[in-house]
Amino acid sequence: QVQFVESGGGLVQPGGSLRLSCLASGFTFTNTVMSWYRQAPGKERELVAIINSSGGTTDYKPSVKGRFTISRVNSRNALYLQMNNLKPDDTAVYHCKAQGYPEWGQGTQVTVSS
């Protein structure tokens, strides 16, 4: 059974930082491309960042490039998203996702507000 447990969200002021974590299970994490998505209230879910199976290749939504960093530790089945210089538009529920699997976790809420 594929499962994701996301954590690390919270309330932060504009310009602040958060580090999101995702622990995955139920599939071969080491061989799987992983992504972070987010969904803001009233908006569709969108891709934020993606990382290949080895961690050597990453890509980002243009609005977060230079501020967010996606990474993974395959020995821990763990995916991370370091978010710096956060903006109010980054407010959303953030989810991790495994390519080729339909399942989603419960997500973690990020709120950027003064």
C-alpha atoms as a PDB file:
ATOM      1  CA  GLN A   1       0.000   0.000   0.000  1.00  0.00           C
ATOM      2  CA  VAL A   2       1.489   3.285  -1.167  1.00  0.00           C
ATOM      3  CA  GLN A   3       1.544   5.897   1.585  1.00  0.00           C
ATOM      4  CA  PHE A   4       2.984   9.353   2.081  1.00  0.00           C
ATOM      5  CA  VAL A   5       3.338  11.238   5.343  1.00  0.00           C
ATOM      6  CA  GLU A   6       4.048  14.926   4.835  1.00  0.00           C
ATOM      7  CA  SER A   7       5.142  17.230   7.650  1.00  0.00           C
ATOM      8  CA  GLY A   8       6.900  20.504   8.345  1.00  0.00           C
ATOM      9  CA  GLY A   9       4.254  23.014   7.365  1.00  0.00           C
ATOM     10  CA  GLY A  10       3.103  25.901   9.501  1.00  0.00           C
ATOM     11  CA  LEU A  11       2.515  29.623   9.741  1.00  0.00           C
ATOM     12  CA  VAL A  12       5.443  31.814   8.717  1.00  0.00           C
ATOM     13  CA  GLN A  13       5.920  35.493   7.972  1.00  0.00           C
ATOM     14  CA  PRO A  14       6.805  36.682   4.474  1.00  0.00           C
ATOM     15  CA  GLY A  15      10.525  36.194   3.897  1.00  0.00           C
ATOM     16  CA  GLY A  16      10.659  33.244   6.269  1.00  0.00           C
ATOM     17  CA  SER A  17      11.668  29.634   5.660  1.00  0.00           C
ATOM     18  CA  LEU A  18      10.215  26.167   6.129  1.00  0.00           C
ATOM     19  CA  ARG A  19      11.466  22.668   5.381  1.00  0.00           C
ATOM     20  CA  LEU A  20       8.873  20.116   4.334  1.00  0.00           C
ATOM     21  CA  SER A  21       9.429  16.379   4.700  1.00  0.00           C
ATOM     22  CA  CYS A  22       7.698  13.406   3.105  1.00  0.00           C
ATOM     23  CA  LEU A  23       8.198   9.826   4.226  1.00  0.00           C
ATOM     24  CA  ALA A  24       7.098   7.333   1.571  1.00  0.00           C
ATOM     25  CA  SER A  25       6.325   3.627   1.749  1.00  0.00           C
ATOM     26  CA  GLY A  26       4.753   0.835  -0.273  1.00  0.00           C
ATOM     27  CA  PHE A  27       6.853   1.129  -3.433  1.00  0.00           C
ATOM     28  CA  THR A  28      10.505   1.145  -4.518  1.00  0.00           C
ATOM     29  CA  PHE A  29      11.378   4.721  -3.616  1.00  0.00           C
ATOM     30  CA  THR A  30      14.920   4.482  -4.976  1.00  0.00           C
ATOM     31  CA  ASN A  31      13.666   3.886  -8.537  1.00  0.00           C
ATOM     32  CA  THR A  32      10.909   6.503  -8.549  1.00  0.00           C
ATOM     33  CA  VAL A  33      10.759  10.106  -9.735  1.00  0.00           C
ATOM     34  CA  MET A  34       9.250  12.223  -6.956  1.00  0.00           C
ATOM     35  CA  SER A  35       7.500  15.570  -6.925  1.00  0.00           C
ATOM     36  CA  TRP A  36       6.023  18.203  -4.668  1.00  0.00           C
ATOM     37  CA  TYR A  37       2.643  19.659  -5.584  1.00  0.00           C
ATOM     38  CA  ARG A  38       0.581  22.337  -3.899  1.00  0.00           C
ATOM     39  CA  GLN A  39      -3.056  23.391  -3.889  1.00  0.00           C
ATOM     40  CA  ALA A  40      -4.208  26.810  -2.784  1.00  0.00           C
ATOM     41  CA  PRO A  41      -7.828  27.497  -1.786  1.00  0.00           C
ATOM     42  CA  GLY A  42     -10.037  27.738  -4.871  1.00  0.00           C
ATOM     43  CA  LYS A  43      -7.217  26.785  -7.219  1.00  0.00           C
ATOM     44  CA  GLU A  44      -6.136  23.638  -9.016  1.00  0.00           C
ATOM     45  CA  ARG A  45      -3.279  21.527  -7.732  1.00  0.00           C
ATOM     46  CA  GLU A  46       0.019  22.526  -9.367  1.00  0.00           C
ATOM     47  CA  LEU A  47       3.466  21.006  -9.727  1.00  0.00           C
ATOM     48  CA  VAL A  48       6.080  22.850  -7.673  1.00  0.00           C
ATOM     49  CA  ALA A  49       9.255  20.771  -8.005  1.00  0.00           C
ATOM     50  CA  ILE A  50      10.406  17.430  -9.371  1.00  0.00           C
ATOM     51  CA  ILE A  51      13.485  15.282  -8.760  1.00  0.00           C
ATOM     52  CA  ASN A  52      14.753  12.208 -10.586  1.00  0.00           C
ATOM     53  CA  SER A  53      15.386   8.886  -8.876  1.00  0.00           C
ATOM     54  CA  SER A  54      19.050   9.526  -8.072  1.00  0.00           C
ATOM     55  CA  GLY A  55      18.519  13.122  -7.008  1.00  0.00           C
ATOM     56  CA  GLY A  56      20.872  14.443  -9.637  1.00  0.00           C
ATOM     57  CA  THR A  57      18.286  16.264 -11.740  1.00  0.00           C
ATOM     58  CA  THR A  58      15.683  18.711 -10.500  1.00  0.00           C
ATOM     59  CA  ASP A  59      13.247  21.204 -11.986  1.00  0.00           C
ATOM     60  CA  TYR A  60      10.974  23.870 -10.546  1.00  0.00           C
ATOM     61  CA  LYS A  61       7.921  25.951 -11.212  1.00  0.00           C
ATOM     62  CA  PRO A  62       9.327  29.316 -12.404  1.00  0.00           C
ATOM     63  CA  SER A  63       7.829  31.290  -9.526  1.00  0.00           C
ATOM     64  CA  VAL A  64       9.722  29.219  -6.927  1.00  0.00           C
ATOM     65  CA  LYS A  65      13.020  28.742  -8.769  1.00  0.00           C
ATOM     66  CA  GLY A  66      15.875  30.140  -6.695  1.00  0.00           C
ATOM     67  CA  ARG A  67      13.810  30.040  -3.505  1.00  0.00           C
ATOM     68  CA  PHE A  68      12.861  26.341  -3.167  1.00  0.00           C
ATOM     69  CA  THR A  69      15.137  23.291  -3.208  1.00  0.00           C
ATOM     70  CA  ILE A  70      13.898  19.734  -3.621  1.00  0.00           C
ATOM     71  CA  SER A  71      16.059  16.880  -2.343  1.00  0.00           C
ATOM     72  CA  ARG A  72      15.814  13.234  -1.340  1.00  0.00           C
ATOM     73  CA  VAL A  73      17.526  10.639   0.824  1.00  0.00           C
ATOM     74  CA  ASN A  74      16.849   7.285  -0.794  1.00  0.00           C
ATOM     75  CA  SER A  75      18.139   5.280   2.170  1.00  0.00           C
ATOM     76  CA  ARG A  76      15.370   6.860   4.280  1.00  0.00           C
ATOM     77  CA  ASN A  77      12.596   6.863   1.643  1.00  0.00           C
ATOM     78  CA  ALA A  78      12.481  10.591   2.322  1.00  0.00           C
ATOM     79  CA  LEU A  79      11.717  13.592   0.136  1.00  0.00           C
ATOM     80  CA  TYR A  80      12.300  17.194   1.230  1.00  0.00           C
ATOM     81  CA  LEU A  81      11.416  20.703   0.118  1.00  0.00           C
ATOM     82  CA  GLN A  82      13.452  23.577   1.530  1.00  0.00           C
ATOM     83  CA  MET A  83      11.482  26.790   1.063  1.00  0.00           C
ATOM     84  CA  ASN A  84      13.180  30.153   1.564  1.00  0.00           C
ATOM     85  CA  ASN A  85      12.002  33.740   1.108  1.00  0.00           C
ATOM     86  CA  LEU A  86       8.396  32.610   1.349  1.00  0.00           C
ATOM     87  CA  LYS A  87       5.665  34.800  -0.109  1.00  0.00           C
ATOM     88  CA  PRO A  88       1.915  34.981   0.608  1.00  0.00           C
ATOM     89  CA  ASP A  89       1.282  33.370  -2.815  1.00  0.00           C
ATOM     90  CA  ASP A  90       3.072  30.255  -1.534  1.00  0.00           C
ATOM     91  CA  THR A  91       0.196  29.613   0.874  1.00  0.00           C
ATOM     92  CA  ALA A  92      -1.235  26.179   0.055  1.00  0.00           C
ATOM     93  CA  VAL A  93      -1.450  22.560   1.102  1.00  0.00           C
ATOM     94  CA  TYR A  94       1.726  20.831  -0.071  1.00  0.00           C
ATOM     95  CA  HIS A  95       1.740  17.172  -1.148  1.00  0.00           C
ATOM     96  CA  CYS A  96       4.439  14.786  -2.267  1.00  0.00           C
ATOM     97  CA  LYS A  97       3.767  12.466  -5.194  1.00  0.00           C
ATOM     98  CA  ALA A  98       5.388   9.417  -6.722  1.00  0.00           C
ATOM     99  CA  GLN A  99       5.434   9.252 -10.512  1.00  0.00           C
ATOM    100  CA  GLY A 100       3.296   6.384 -11.775  1.00  0.00           C
ATOM    101  CA  TYR A 101       1.228   6.019  -8.615  1.00  0.00           C
ATOM    102  CA  PRO A 102      -2.206   7.646  -8.142  1.00  0.00           C
ATOM    103  CA  GLU A 103      -2.071   7.961  -4.366  1.00  0.00           C
ATOM    104  CA  TRP A 104      -1.792  11.235  -2.436  1.00  0.00           C
ATOM    105  CA  GLY A 105      -0.994  11.865   1.202  1.00  0.00           C
ATOM    106  CA  GLN A 106      -2.895  14.200   3.491  1.00  0.00           C
ATOM    107  CA  GLY A 107      -0.529  17.053   2.744  1.00  0.00           C
ATOM    108  CA  THR A 108       0.899  19.709   5.019  1.00  0.00           C
ATOM    109  CA  GLN A 109      -0.474  23.246   5.280  1.00  0.00           C
ATOM    110  CA  VAL A 110       1.848  26.175   4.601  1.00  0.00           C
ATOM    111  CA  THR A 111       0.527  29.639   5.452  1.00  0.00           C
ATOM    112  CA  VAL A 112       2.584  32.734   4.700  1.00  0.00           C
ATOM    113  CA  SER A 113       1.145  35.788   6.395  1.00  0.00           C
ATOM    114  CA  SER A 114       2.170  38.736   8.511  1.00  0.00           C
END
